[in-house]
Amino acid sequence: MKTIATLLTLLTLAACGADGEPTPPEPGLSVSGQVKIGVGGSL
């Protein structure tokens, strides 16, 4: 349980703060996550 929660937290932080790193499209992401997915797809 703790491992899953930690991974989810790290993924959320990475999606919000890691610029230039590809993030896999997942349902439930925020607008910033969708924008990053769109930018990564256009590259």
C-alpha atoms as a PDB file:
ATOM      1  CA  MET A   1       0.000   0.000   0.000  1.00  0.00           C
ATOM      2  CA  LYS A   2       2.705   2.468   0.961  1.00  0.00           C
ATOM      3  CA  THR A   3       4.699   1.661  -2.163  1.00  0.00           C
ATOM      4  CA  ILE A   4       1.720   2.314  -4.435  1.00  0.00           C
ATOM      5  CA  ALA A   5       0.915   5.574  -2.656  1.00  0.00           C
ATOM      6  CA  THR A   6       4.545   6.671  -2.921  1.00  0.00           C
ATOM      7  CA  LEU A   7       4.663   5.862  -6.631  1.00  0.00           C
ATOM      8  CA  LEU A   8       1.431   7.767  -7.252  1.00  0.00           C
ATOM      9  CA  THR A   9       2.804  10.758  -5.356  1.00  0.00           C
ATOM     10  CA  LEU A  10       6.057  10.702  -7.323  1.00  0.00           C
ATOM     11  CA  LEU A  11       4.165  10.381 -10.616  1.00  0.00           C
ATOM     12  CA  THR A  12       1.922  13.303  -9.683  1.00  0.00           C
ATOM     13  CA  LEU A  13       4.891  15.467  -8.739  1.00  0.00           C
ATOM     14  CA  ALA A  14       6.745  14.466 -11.903  1.00  0.00           C
ATOM     15  CA  ALA A  15       3.730  15.255 -14.084  1.00  0.00           C
ATOM     16  CA  CYS A  16       3.433  18.695 -12.505  1.00  0.00           C
ATOM     17  CA  GLY A  17       7.093  19.667 -12.164  1.00  0.00           C
ATOM     18  CA  ALA A  18       9.277  17.642 -14.565  1.00  0.00           C
ATOM     19  CA  ASP A  19       9.626  19.607 -17.775  1.00  0.00           C
ATOM     20  CA  GLY A  20      10.800  17.856 -20.927  1.00  0.00           C
ATOM     21  CA  GLU A  21      10.285  14.354 -19.553  1.00  0.00           C
ATOM     22  CA  PRO A  22       7.740  12.145 -21.311  1.00  0.00           C
ATOM     23  CA  THR A  23       4.779  11.130 -19.175  1.00  0.00           C
ATOM     24  CA  PRO A  24       2.458   8.323 -20.221  1.00  0.00           C
ATOM     25  CA  PRO A  25      -1.142   9.424 -20.822  1.00  0.00           C
ATOM     26  CA  GLU A  26      -3.285   8.243 -17.928  1.00  0.00           C
ATOM     27  CA  PRO A  27      -6.928   8.970 -17.095  1.00  0.00           C
ATOM     28  CA  GLY A  28      -7.454  11.338 -14.187  1.00  0.00           C
ATOM     29  CA  LEU A  29      -4.511  13.620 -14.891  1.00  0.00           C
ATOM     30  CA  SER A  30      -4.882  17.338 -14.351  1.00  0.00           C
ATOM     31  CA  VAL A  31      -4.922  19.938 -17.123  1.00  0.00           C
ATOM     32  CA  SER A  32      -1.151  20.368 -16.789  1.00  0.00           C
ATOM     33  CA  GLY A  33      -0.710  16.635 -17.325  1.00  0.00           C
ATOM     34  CA  GLN A  34      -2.846  16.734 -20.462  1.00  0.00           C
ATOM     35  CA  VAL A  35      -0.897  19.730 -21.755  1.00  0.00           C
ATOM     36  CA  LYS A  36       2.391  17.886 -21.203  1.00  0.00           C
ATOM     37  CA  ILE A  37       1.008  14.854 -23.037  1.00  0.00           C
ATOM     38  CA  GLY A  38      -0.007  17.096 -25.931  1.00  0.00           C
ATOM     39  CA  VAL A  39       3.406  18.776 -26.037  1.00  0.00           C
ATOM     40  CA  GLY A  40       5.201  15.421 -25.879  1.00  0.00           C
ATOM     41  CA  GLY A  41       3.025  14.098 -28.683  1.00  0.00           C
ATOM     42  CA  SER A  42       3.754  17.110 -30.887  1.00  0.00           C
ATOM     43  CA  LEU A  43       7.492  16.644 -30.417  1.00  0.00           C
END
